[in-house]
Amino acid sequence: MDFTQKQKVEMFDFLLYFEQNIRNNKNRYSLSNNSLQDFIKRNKIMIKRLTQDNKGKIKNNPFILCCWGNDRAYDLLRHIRNSIAHGNAKIKSTKRVEIHDYDRNGNETLYGKIRFDLLMSLIKEIIKTSK
């Protein structure tokens, strides 16, 4: 199964936006933003630190597990960007996408399963938190 043309355009648009507007703007986005938290709760998205313990607690979709430093929102956007740019985003069903990112040593830094439209909406909601 492959991404639709529309999905490819949406991913390219995000990559372009990231490179032009996000890459050099750390500490500008917030996962604790009230509107974003409402969106996450309303859509029942589990977003947690990527650990073996959290990986073992996954019971259903949608979820995203991510390695992050002090700037969690930026790091999440960066790992999603890397997943797409490095070809580690895969369609698993007609609507669901599985995303992965890895560091230079091959250690997993992002793992998620989420509906494609929900992933794109999540990205937009994070971007809206810009200061």
C-alpha atoms as a PDB file:
ATOM      1  CA  MET A   1       0.000   0.000   0.000  1.00  0.00           C
ATOM      2  CA  ASP A   2       1.273   3.465  -0.855  1.00  0.00           C
ATOM      3  CA  PHE A   3       0.392   7.001   0.143  1.00  0.00           C
ATOM      4  CA  THR A   4      -2.165   8.773  -2.028  1.00  0.00           C
ATOM      5  CA  GLN A   5      -1.054  11.761  -4.072  1.00  0.00           C
ATOM      6  CA  LYS A   6      -2.946  14.043  -1.680  1.00  0.00           C
ATOM      7  CA  GLN A   7      -1.147  12.514   1.324  1.00  0.00           C
ATOM      8  CA  LYS A   8       2.221  12.916  -0.407  1.00  0.00           C
ATOM      9  CA  VAL A   9       1.474  16.596  -1.029  1.00  0.00           C
ATOM     10  CA  GLU A  10       0.475  17.100   2.631  1.00  0.00           C
ATOM     11  CA  MET A  11       3.707  15.465   3.810  1.00  0.00           C
ATOM     12  CA  PHE A  12       5.787  17.533   1.385  1.00  0.00           C
ATOM     13  CA  ASP A  13       4.042  20.704   2.555  1.00  0.00           C
ATOM     14  CA  PHE A  14       4.943  19.849   6.157  1.00  0.00           C
ATOM     15  CA  LEU A  15       8.575  19.109   5.234  1.00  0.00           C
ATOM     16  CA  LEU A  16       8.848  22.413   3.421  1.00  0.00           C
ATOM     17  CA  TYR A  17       7.188  24.310   6.283  1.00  0.00           C
ATOM     18  CA  PHE A  18       9.491  22.633   8.802  1.00  0.00           C
ATOM     19  CA  GLU A  19      12.640  23.565   6.876  1.00  0.00           C
ATOM     20  CA  GLN A  20      11.533  27.159   6.309  1.00  0.00           C
ATOM     21  CA  ASN A  21       9.837  27.962   9.620  1.00  0.00           C
ATOM     22  CA  ILE A  22      10.493  25.435  12.379  1.00  0.00           C
ATOM     23  CA  ARG A  23      14.062  24.144  12.036  1.00  0.00           C
ATOM     24  CA  ASN A  24      15.703  27.267  13.454  1.00  0.00           C
ATOM     25  CA  ASN A  25      12.974  28.113  15.968  1.00  0.00           C
ATOM     26  CA  LYS A  26      13.455  25.902  19.007  1.00  0.00           C
ATOM     27  CA  ASN A  27      11.567  26.718  22.206  1.00  0.00           C
ATOM     28  CA  ARG A  28       8.720  28.243  20.230  1.00  0.00           C
ATOM     29  CA  TYR A  29       6.108  25.473  20.496  1.00  0.00           C
ATOM     30  CA  SER A  30       4.409  23.893  23.510  1.00  0.00           C
ATOM     31  CA  LEU A  31       2.834  20.499  24.137  1.00  0.00           C
ATOM     32  CA  SER A  32       1.262  21.897  27.312  1.00  0.00           C
ATOM     33  CA  ASN A  33      -0.807  24.487  25.419  1.00  0.00           C
ATOM     34  CA  ASN A  34      -4.456  24.220  26.583  1.00  0.00           C
ATOM     35  CA  SER A  35      -5.930  24.118  23.086  1.00  0.00           C
ATOM     36  CA  LEU A  36      -3.452  21.433  22.019  1.00  0.00           C
ATOM     37  CA  GLN A  37      -4.140  19.398  25.159  1.00  0.00           C
ATOM     38  CA  ASP A  38      -7.886  19.608  24.427  1.00  0.00           C
ATOM     39  CA  PHE A  39      -7.218  18.345  20.884  1.00  0.00           C
ATOM     40  CA  ILE A  40      -5.072  15.462  22.201  1.00  0.00           C
ATOM     41  CA  LYS A  41      -7.702  14.459  24.789  1.00  0.00           C
ATOM     42  CA  ARG A  42     -10.615  14.802  22.367  1.00  0.00           C
ATOM     43  CA  ASN A  43      -8.855  12.523  19.862  1.00  0.00           C
ATOM     44  CA  LYS A  44      -7.537  10.150  22.554  1.00  0.00           C
ATOM     45  CA  ILE A  45      -3.932  10.401  21.346  1.00  0.00           C
ATOM     46  CA  MET A  46      -1.345   8.943  23.687  1.00  0.00           C
ATOM     47  CA  ILE A  47       1.881  10.966  23.495  1.00  0.00           C
ATOM     48  CA  LYS A  48       4.612   9.761  25.838  1.00  0.00           C
ATOM     49  CA  ARG A  49       8.365   9.434  26.108  1.00  0.00           C
ATOM     50  CA  LEU A  50       9.751   6.494  24.114  1.00  0.00           C
ATOM     51  CA  THR A  51      10.826   3.898  26.674  1.00  0.00           C
ATOM     52  CA  GLN A  52      10.614   0.111  26.695  1.00  0.00           C
ATOM     53  CA  ASP A  53       8.174   0.398  29.595  1.00  0.00           C
ATOM     54  CA  ASN A  54       5.862   2.745  27.659  1.00  0.00           C
ATOM     55  CA  LYS A  55       6.201   0.603  24.533  1.00  0.00           C
ATOM     56  CA  GLY A  56       4.931  -2.333  26.557  1.00  0.00           C
ATOM     57  CA  LYS A  57       1.887  -0.365  27.755  1.00  0.00           C
ATOM     58  CA  ILE A  58       0.499   0.323  24.273  1.00  0.00           C
ATOM     59  CA  LYS A  59      -2.993  -1.076  24.060  1.00  0.00           C
ATOM     60  CA  ASN A  60      -4.501   0.736  21.114  1.00  0.00           C
ATOM     61  CA  ASN A  61      -4.120   3.483  18.546  1.00  0.00           C
ATOM     62  CA  PRO A  62      -3.500   6.330  18.193  1.00  0.00           C
ATOM     63  CA  PHE A  63      -0.187   6.757  19.959  1.00  0.00           C
ATOM     64  CA  ILE A  64       3.166   8.430  19.516  1.00  0.00           C
ATOM     65  CA  LEU A  65       6.214   7.618  21.608  1.00  0.00           C
ATOM     66  CA  CYS A  66       9.121  10.015  21.242  1.00  0.00           C
ATOM     67  CA  CYS A  67      12.574  10.701  22.658  1.00  0.00           C
ATOM     68  CA  TRP A  68      12.799  14.345  23.562  1.00  0.00           C
ATOM     69  CA  GLY A  69      14.916  16.800  25.461  1.00  0.00           C
ATOM     70  CA  ASN A  70      13.793  20.039  27.067  1.00  0.00           C
ATOM     71  CA  ASP A  71      11.854  21.172  23.985  1.00  0.00           C
ATOM     72  CA  ARG A  72       9.312  18.365  23.678  1.00  0.00           C
ATOM     73  CA  ALA A  73       7.100  19.960  21.007  1.00  0.00           C
ATOM     74  CA  TYR A  74      10.012  20.883  18.740  1.00  0.00           C
ATOM     75  CA  ASP A  75      11.580  17.440  19.169  1.00  0.00           C
ATOM     76  CA  LEU A  76       8.282  15.738  18.342  1.00  0.00           C
ATOM     77  CA  LEU A  77       7.899  17.819  15.169  1.00  0.00           C
ATOM     78  CA  ARG A  78      11.541  17.141  14.239  1.00  0.00           C
ATOM     79  CA  HIS A  79      11.196  13.374  14.695  1.00  0.00           C
ATOM     80  CA  ILE A  80       7.963  13.341  12.660  1.00  0.00           C
ATOM     81  CA  ARG A  81       9.769  15.354   9.977  1.00  0.00           C
ATOM     82  CA  ASN A  82      12.652  12.873  10.001  1.00  0.00           C
ATOM     83  CA  SER A  83      10.284   9.912   9.754  1.00  0.00           C
ATOM     84  CA  ILE A  84       8.717  11.355   6.627  1.00  0.00           C
ATOM     85  CA  ALA A  85      11.927  12.673   5.060  1.00  0.00           C
ATOM     86  CA  HIS A  86      13.853   9.436   5.605  1.00  0.00           C
ATOM     87  CA  GLY A  87      11.081   7.204   4.266  1.00  0.00           C
ATOM     88  CA  ASN A  88      10.204   5.736   7.666  1.00  0.00           C
ATOM     89  CA  ALA A  89       6.514   6.645   7.488  1.00  0.00           C
ATOM     90  CA  LYS A  90       4.487   3.748   6.094  1.00  0.00           C
ATOM     91  CA  ILE A  91       0.816   3.281   5.315  1.00  0.00           C
ATOM     92  CA  LYS A  92      -0.417   0.229   7.234  1.00  0.00           C
ATOM     93  CA  SER A  93      -4.086   0.367   6.199  1.00  0.00           C
ATOM     94  CA  THR A  94      -6.259   2.656   4.133  1.00  0.00           C
ATOM     95  CA  LYS A  95      -6.069   5.372   6.799  1.00  0.00           C
ATOM     96  CA  ARG A  96      -3.403   4.433   9.363  1.00  0.00           C
ATOM     97  CA  VAL A  97       0.250   5.357   9.202  1.00  0.00           C
ATOM     98  CA  GLU A  98       3.150   3.957  11.208  1.00  0.00           C
ATOM     99  CA  ILE A  99       6.003   6.363  11.878  1.00  0.00           C
ATOM    100  CA  HIS A 100       9.559   5.674  13.031  1.00  0.00           C
ATOM    101  CA  ASP A 101      12.726   7.710  13.469  1.00  0.00           C
ATOM    102  CA  TYR A 102      16.194   6.570  14.442  1.00  0.00           C
ATOM    103  CA  ASP A 103      19.350   8.268  15.668  1.00  0.00           C
ATOM    104  CA  ARG A 104      22.739   7.890  13.954  1.00  0.00           C
ATOM    105  CA  ASN A 105      23.402   4.685  15.912  1.00  0.00           C
ATOM    106  CA  GLY A 106      20.144   3.071  14.795  1.00  0.00           C
ATOM    107  CA  ASN A 107      18.347   3.565  18.113  1.00  0.00           C
ATOM    108  CA  GLU A 108      14.638   4.240  17.735  1.00  0.00           C
ATOM    109  CA  THR A 109      13.697   7.818  18.678  1.00  0.00           C
ATOM    110  CA  LEU A 110      10.085   7.870  17.440  1.00  0.00           C
ATOM    111  CA  TYR A 111       7.431   5.199  17.163  1.00  0.00           C
ATOM    112  CA  GLY A 112       3.791   5.827  16.430  1.00  0.00           C
ATOM    113  CA  LYS A 113       0.622   4.476  14.886  1.00  0.00           C
ATOM    114  CA  ILE A 114      -2.043   6.995  14.054  1.00  0.00           C
ATOM    115  CA  ARG A 115      -4.569   7.848  11.358  1.00  0.00           C
ATOM    116  CA  PHE A 116      -2.885   9.913   8.663  1.00  0.00           C
ATOM    117  CA  ASP A 117      -5.436  12.734   8.866  1.00  0.00           C
ATOM    118  CA  LEU A 118      -5.066  12.824  12.659  1.00  0.00           C
ATOM    119  CA  LEU A 119      -1.258  13.030  12.375  1.00  0.00           C
ATOM    120  CA  MET A 120      -1.525  15.978   9.977  1.00  0.00           C
ATOM    121  CA  SER A 121      -4.061  17.662  12.278  1.00  0.00           C
ATOM    122  CA  LEU A 122      -1.799  17.088  15.284  1.00  0.00           C
ATOM    123  CA  ILE A 123       1.117  18.709  13.444  1.00  0.00           C
ATOM    124  CA  LYS A 124      -1.070  21.742  12.634  1.00  0.00           C
ATOM    125  CA  GLU A 125      -2.255  21.988  16.232  1.00  0.00           C
ATOM    126  CA  ILE A 126       1.344  21.926  17.512  1.00  0.00           C
ATOM    127  CA  ILE A 127       2.324  24.609  15.003  1.00  0.00           C
ATOM    128  CA  LYS A 128      -0.548  26.799  16.260  1.00  0.00           C
ATOM    129  CA  THR A 129       1.128  26.884  19.701  1.00  0.00           C
ATOM    130  CA  SER A 130       3.954  29.011  18.260  1.00  0.00           C
ATOM    131  CA  LYS A 131       4.962  31.946  20.484  1.00  0.00           C
END
